[in-house]
Amino acid sequence: MSDLKTEMEQRDREVAHNEANRQTTSAVRLSSWALIMAFLACAVAVMFVLAVVRL
């Protein structure tokens, strides 16, 4: 019975570790998209300002 409990605890630790890795990967992916979108928004704003200044 003790061996089964130990195995279950080890499996739970592995599942928790895998879930933490998955959440980290998801957060990095989301941050990358946020940075790309912020860069594009800034680029559009700069082009708009340059277009207005030329008028």
PDB file of N, CA and C in Angstrom:
ATOM      1  N   MET A   1       0.820  -1.190   0.000  1.00  0.00           N
ATOM      2  CA  MET A   1       0.000   0.000   0.000  1.00  0.00           C
ATOM      3  C   MET A   1       0.865   1.254   0.000  1.00  0.00           C
ATOM      4  N   SER A   2       1.952   1.235   0.740  1.00  0.00           N
ATOM      5  CA  SER A   2       2.844   2.379   0.803  1.00  0.00           C
ATOM      6  C   SER A   2       3.490   2.644  -0.559  1.00  0.00           C
ATOM      7  N   ASP A   3       3.821   1.564  -1.278  1.00  0.00           N
ATOM      8  CA  ASP A   3       4.409   1.728  -2.604  1.00  0.00           C
ATOM      9  C   ASP A   3       3.433   2.398  -3.560  1.00  0.00           C
ATOM     10  N   LEU A   4       2.182   2.013  -3.479  1.00  0.00           N
ATOM     11  CA  LEU A   4       1.151   2.614  -4.333  1.00  0.00           C
ATOM     12  C   LEU A   4       0.995   4.101  -4.018  1.00  0.00           C
ATOM     13  N   LYS A   5       1.016   4.438  -2.743  1.00  0.00           N
ATOM     14  CA  LYS A   5       0.893   5.840  -2.341  1.00  0.00           C
ATOM     15  C   LYS A   5       2.093   6.641  -2.845  1.00  0.00           C
ATOM     16  N   THR A   6       3.270   6.069  -2.720  1.00  0.00           N
ATOM     17  CA  THR A   6       4.481   6.744  -3.190  1.00  0.00           C
ATOM     18  C   THR A   6       4.440   6.949  -4.702  1.00  0.00           C
ATOM     19  N   GLU A   7       3.984   5.937  -5.413  1.00  0.00           N
ATOM     20  CA  GLU A   7       3.876   6.049  -6.869  1.00  0.00           C
ATOM     21  C   GLU A   7       2.862   7.116  -7.264  1.00  0.00           C
ATOM     22  N   MET A   8       1.757   7.156  -6.565  1.00  0.00           N
ATOM     23  CA  MET A   8       0.729   8.156  -6.853  1.00  0.00           C
ATOM     24  C   MET A   8       1.242   9.570  -6.566  1.00  0.00           C
ATOM     25  N   GLU A   9       1.985   9.732  -5.480  1.00  0.00           N
ATOM     26  CA  GLU A   9       2.549  11.040  -5.149  1.00  0.00           C
ATOM     27  C   GLU A   9       3.559  11.473  -6.217  1.00  0.00           C
ATOM     28  N   GLN A  10       4.383  10.535  -6.676  1.00  0.00           N
ATOM     29  CA  GLN A  10       5.362  10.842  -7.720  1.00  0.00           C
ATOM     30  C   GLN A  10       4.651  11.237  -9.014  1.00  0.00           C
ATOM     31  N   ARG A  11       3.607  10.509  -9.338  1.00  0.00           N
ATOM     32  CA  ARG A  11       2.837  10.822 -10.553  1.00  0.00           C
ATOM     33  C   ARG A  11       2.194  12.203 -10.420  1.00  0.00           C
ATOM     34  N   ASP A  12       1.657  12.513  -9.255  1.00  0.00           N
ATOM     35  CA  ASP A  12       1.053  13.831  -9.030  1.00  0.00           C
ATOM     36  C   ASP A  12       2.083  14.947  -9.188  1.00  0.00           C
ATOM     37  N   ARG A  13       3.298  14.706  -8.697  1.00  0.00           N
ATOM     38  CA  ARG A  13       4.370  15.701  -8.854  1.00  0.00           C
ATOM     39  C   ARG A  13       4.710  15.898 -10.327  1.00  0.00           C
ATOM     40  N   GLU A  14       4.777  14.803 -11.078  1.00  0.00           N
ATOM     41  CA  GLU A  14       5.075  14.907 -12.507  1.00  0.00           C
ATOM     42  C   GLU A  14       3.974  15.657 -13.251  1.00  0.00           C
ATOM     43  N   VAL A  15       2.730  15.376 -12.913  1.00  0.00           N
ATOM     44  CA  VAL A  15       1.608  16.068 -13.550  1.00  0.00           C
ATOM     45  C   VAL A  15       1.665  17.554 -13.225  1.00  0.00           C
ATOM     46  N   ALA A  16       1.932  17.895 -11.987  1.00  0.00           N
ATOM     47  CA  ALA A  16       2.031  19.302 -11.582  1.00  0.00           C
ATOM     48  C   ALA A  16       3.178  19.997 -12.311  1.00  0.00           C
ATOM     49  N   HIS A  17       4.296  19.308 -12.446  1.00  0.00           N
ATOM     50  CA  HIS A  17       5.459  19.861 -13.148  1.00  0.00           C
ATOM     51  C   HIS A  17       5.115  20.108 -14.621  1.00  0.00           C
ATOM     52  N   ASN A  18       4.473  19.140 -15.255  1.00  0.00           N
ATOM     53  CA  ASN A  18       4.083  19.296 -16.657  1.00  0.00           C
ATOM     54  C   ASN A  18       3.088  20.436 -16.837  1.00  0.00           C
ATOM     55  N   GLU A  19       2.160  20.571 -15.925  1.00  0.00           N
ATOM     56  CA  GLU A  19       1.178  21.651 -15.993  1.00  0.00           C
ATOM     57  C   GLU A  19       1.867  23.010 -15.832  1.00  0.00           C
ATOM     58  N   ALA A  20       2.829  23.102 -14.944  1.00  0.00           N
ATOM     59  CA  ALA A  20       3.569  24.355 -14.757  1.00  0.00           C
ATOM     60  C   ALA A  20       4.330  24.717 -16.033  1.00  0.00           C
ATOM     61  N   ASN A  21       4.942  23.726 -16.664  1.00  0.00           N
ATOM     62  CA  ASN A  21       5.648  23.978 -17.925  1.00  0.00           C
ATOM     63  C   ASN A  21       4.686  24.444 -19.013  1.00  0.00           C
ATOM     64  N   ARG A  22       3.511  23.836 -19.066  1.00  0.00           N
ATOM     65  CA  ARG A  22       2.521  24.211 -20.076  1.00  0.00           C
ATOM     66  C   ARG A  22       2.055  25.649 -19.861  1.00  0.00           C
ATOM     67  N   GLN A  23       1.840  26.029 -18.609  1.00  0.00           N
ATOM     68  CA  GLN A  23       1.396  27.394 -18.309  1.00  0.00           C
ATOM     69  C   GLN A  23       2.485  28.404 -18.646  1.00  0.00           C
ATOM     70  N   THR A  24       3.735  28.051 -18.384  1.00  0.00           N
ATOM     71  CA  THR A  24       4.846  28.942 -18.715  1.00  0.00           C
ATOM     72  C   THR A  24       4.926  29.151 -20.220  1.00  0.00           C
ATOM     73  N   THR A  25       4.822  28.068 -20.970  1.00  0.00           N
ATOM     74  CA  THR A  25       4.865  28.157 -22.430  1.00  0.00           C
ATOM     75  C   THR A  25       3.724  29.020 -22.951  1.00  0.00           C
ATOM     76  N   SER A  26       2.551  28.844 -22.385  1.00  0.00           N
ATOM     77  CA  SER A  26       1.392  29.630 -22.794  1.00  0.00           C
ATOM     78  C   SER A  26       1.604  31.111 -22.490  1.00  0.00           C
ATOM     79  N   ALA A  27       2.165  31.418 -21.341  1.00  0.00           N
ATOM     80  CA  ALA A  27       2.405  32.809 -20.960  1.00  0.00           C
ATOM     81  C   ALA A  27       3.430  33.461 -21.889  1.00  0.00           C
ATOM     82  N   VAL A  28       4.469  32.719 -22.254  1.00  0.00           N
ATOM     83  CA  VAL A  28       5.490  33.252 -23.161  1.00  0.00           C
ATOM     84  C   VAL A  28       4.877  33.514 -24.532  1.00  0.00           C
ATOM     85  N   ARG A  29       4.041  32.583 -24.986  1.00  0.00           N
ATOM     86  CA  ARG A  29       3.393  32.749 -26.287  1.00  0.00           C
ATOM     87  C   ARG A  29       2.490  33.981 -26.276  1.00  0.00           C
ATOM     88  N   LEU A  30       1.731  34.158 -25.218  1.00  0.00           N
ATOM     89  CA  LEU A  30       0.842  35.308 -25.099  1.00  0.00           C
ATOM     90  C   LEU A  30       1.642  36.605 -25.043  1.00  0.00           C
ATOM     91  N   SER A  31       2.745  36.605 -24.301  1.00  0.00           N
ATOM     92  CA  SER A  31       3.586  37.793 -24.204  1.00  0.00           C
ATOM     93  C   SER A  31       4.178  38.147 -25.563  1.00  0.00           C
ATOM     94  N   SER A  32       4.562  37.138 -26.326  1.00  0.00           N
ATOM     95  CA  SER A  32       5.112  37.380 -27.660  1.00  0.00           C
ATOM     96  C   SER A  32       4.076  38.046 -28.547  1.00  0.00           C
ATOM     97  N   TRP A  33       2.844  37.544 -28.521  1.00  0.00           N
ATOM     98  CA  TRP A  33       1.787  38.160 -29.313  1.00  0.00           C
ATOM     99  C   TRP A  33       1.530  39.588 -28.854  1.00  0.00           C
ATOM    100  N   ALA A  34       1.544  39.823 -27.561  1.00  0.00           N
ATOM    101  CA  ALA A  34       1.305  41.169 -27.041  1.00  0.00           C
ATOM    102  C   ALA A  34       2.398  42.131 -27.512  1.00  0.00           C
ATOM    103  N   LEU A  35       3.642  41.686 -27.497  1.00  0.00           N
ATOM    104  CA  LEU A  35       4.742  42.534 -27.967  1.00  0.00           C
ATOM    105  C   LEU A  35       4.608  42.850 -29.455  1.00  0.00           C
ATOM    106  N   ILE A  36       4.248  41.853 -30.233  1.00  0.00           N
ATOM    107  CA  ILE A  36       4.077  42.059 -31.676  1.00  0.00           C
ATOM    108  C   ILE A  36       2.955  43.062 -31.935  1.00  0.00           C
ATOM    109  N   MET A  37       1.846  42.894 -31.233  1.00  0.00           N
ATOM    110  CA  MET A  37       0.715  43.805 -31.431  1.00  0.00           C
ATOM    111  C   MET A  37       1.066  45.228 -30.991  1.00  0.00           C
ATOM    112  N   ALA A  38       1.805  45.363 -29.904  1.00  0.00           N
ATOM    113  CA  ALA A  38       2.221  46.693 -29.440  1.00  0.00           C
ATOM    114  C   ALA A  38       3.149  47.344 -30.459  1.00  0.00           C
ATOM    115  N   PHE A  39       4.060  46.564 -31.009  1.00  0.00           N
ATOM    116  CA  PHE A  39       4.978  47.094 -32.028  1.00  0.00           C
ATOM    117  C   PHE A  39       4.200  47.565 -33.248  1.00  0.00           C
ATOM    118  N   LEU A  40       3.243  46.748 -33.704  1.00  0.00           N
ATOM    119  CA  LEU A  40       2.439  47.136 -34.868  1.00  0.00           C
ATOM    120  C   LEU A  40       1.623  48.388 -34.587  1.00  0.00           C
ATOM    121  N   ALA A  41       1.053  48.495 -33.396  1.00  0.00           N
ATOM    122  CA  ALA A  41       0.280  49.679 -33.040  1.00  0.00           C
ATOM    123  C   ALA A  41       1.165  50.928 -33.048  1.00  0.00           C
ATOM    124  N   CYS A  42       2.358  50.802 -32.534  1.00  0.00           N
ATOM    125  CA  CYS A  42       3.296  51.936 -32.537  1.00  0.00           C
ATOM    126  C   CYS A  42       3.692  52.307 -33.961  1.00  0.00           C
ATOM    127  N   ALA A  43       3.930  51.314 -34.791  1.00  0.00           N
ATOM    128  CA  ALA A  43       4.304  51.578 -36.179  1.00  0.00           C
ATOM    129  C   ALA A  43       3.184  52.312 -36.909  1.00  0.00           C
ATOM    130  N   VAL A  44       1.943  51.893 -36.690  1.00  0.00           N
ATOM    131  CA  VAL A  44       0.808  52.565 -37.321  1.00  0.00           C
ATOM    132  C   VAL A  44       0.701  53.989 -36.798  1.00  0.00           C
ATOM    133  N   ALA A  45       0.882  54.192 -35.507  1.00  0.00           N
ATOM    134  CA  ALA A  45       0.804  55.539 -34.931  1.00  0.00           C
ATOM    135  C   ALA A  45       1.890  56.439 -35.501  1.00  0.00           C
ATOM    136  N   VAL A  46       3.091  55.928 -35.644  1.00  0.00           N
ATOM    137  CA  VAL A  46       4.191  56.724 -36.196  1.00  0.00           C
ATOM    138  C   VAL A  46       3.895  57.087 -37.647  1.00  0.00           C
ATOM    139  N   MET A  47       3.405  56.129 -38.425  1.00  0.00           N
ATOM    140  CA  MET A  47       3.083  56.428 -39.822  1.00  0.00           C
ATOM    141  C   MET A  47       1.964  57.468 -39.914  1.00  0.00           C
ATOM    142  N   PHE A  48       0.988  57.379 -39.018  1.00  0.00           N
ATOM    143  CA  PHE A  48      -0.101  58.364 -39.002  1.00  0.00           C
ATOM    144  C   PHE A  48       0.443  59.753 -38.692  1.00  0.00           C
ATOM    145  N   VAL A  49       1.290  59.842 -37.688  1.00  0.00           N
ATOM    146  CA  VAL A  49       1.867  61.143 -37.298  1.00  0.00           C
ATOM    147  C   VAL A  49       2.704  61.707 -38.441  1.00  0.00           C
ATOM    148  N   LEU A  50       3.492  60.868 -39.079  1.00  0.00           N
ATOM    149  CA  LEU A  50       4.309  61.345 -40.209  1.00  0.00           C
ATOM    150  C   LEU A  50       3.430  61.823 -41.359  1.00  0.00           C
ATOM    151  N   ALA A  51       2.329  61.139 -41.604  1.00  0.00           N
ATOM    152  CA  ALA A  51       1.415  61.542 -42.669  1.00  0.00           C
ATOM    153  C   ALA A  51       0.768  62.883 -42.334  1.00  0.00           C
ATOM    154  N   VAL A  52       0.407  63.112 -41.078  1.00  0.00           N
ATOM    155  CA  VAL A  52      -0.223  64.367 -40.669  1.00  0.00           C
ATOM    156  C   VAL A  52       0.783  65.500 -40.733  1.00  0.00           C
ATOM    157  N   VAL A  53       2.019  65.273 -40.344  1.00  0.00           N
ATOM    158  CA  VAL A  53       3.034  66.315 -40.353  1.00  0.00           C
ATOM    159  C   VAL A  53       3.316  66.772 -41.787  1.00  0.00           C
ATOM    160  N   ARG A  54       3.266  65.882 -42.754  1.00  0.00           N
ATOM    161  CA  ARG A  54       3.527  66.256 -44.142  1.00  0.00           C
ATOM    162  C   ARG A  54       2.407  67.112 -44.721  1.00  0.00           C
ATOM    163  N   LEU A  55       1.222  67.039 -44.146  1.00  0.00           N
ATOM    164  CA  LEU A  55       0.111  67.850 -44.663  1.00  0.00           C
ATOM    165  C   LEU A  55       0.398  69.273 -44.351  1.00  0.00           C
TER     166      LEU A  55
END
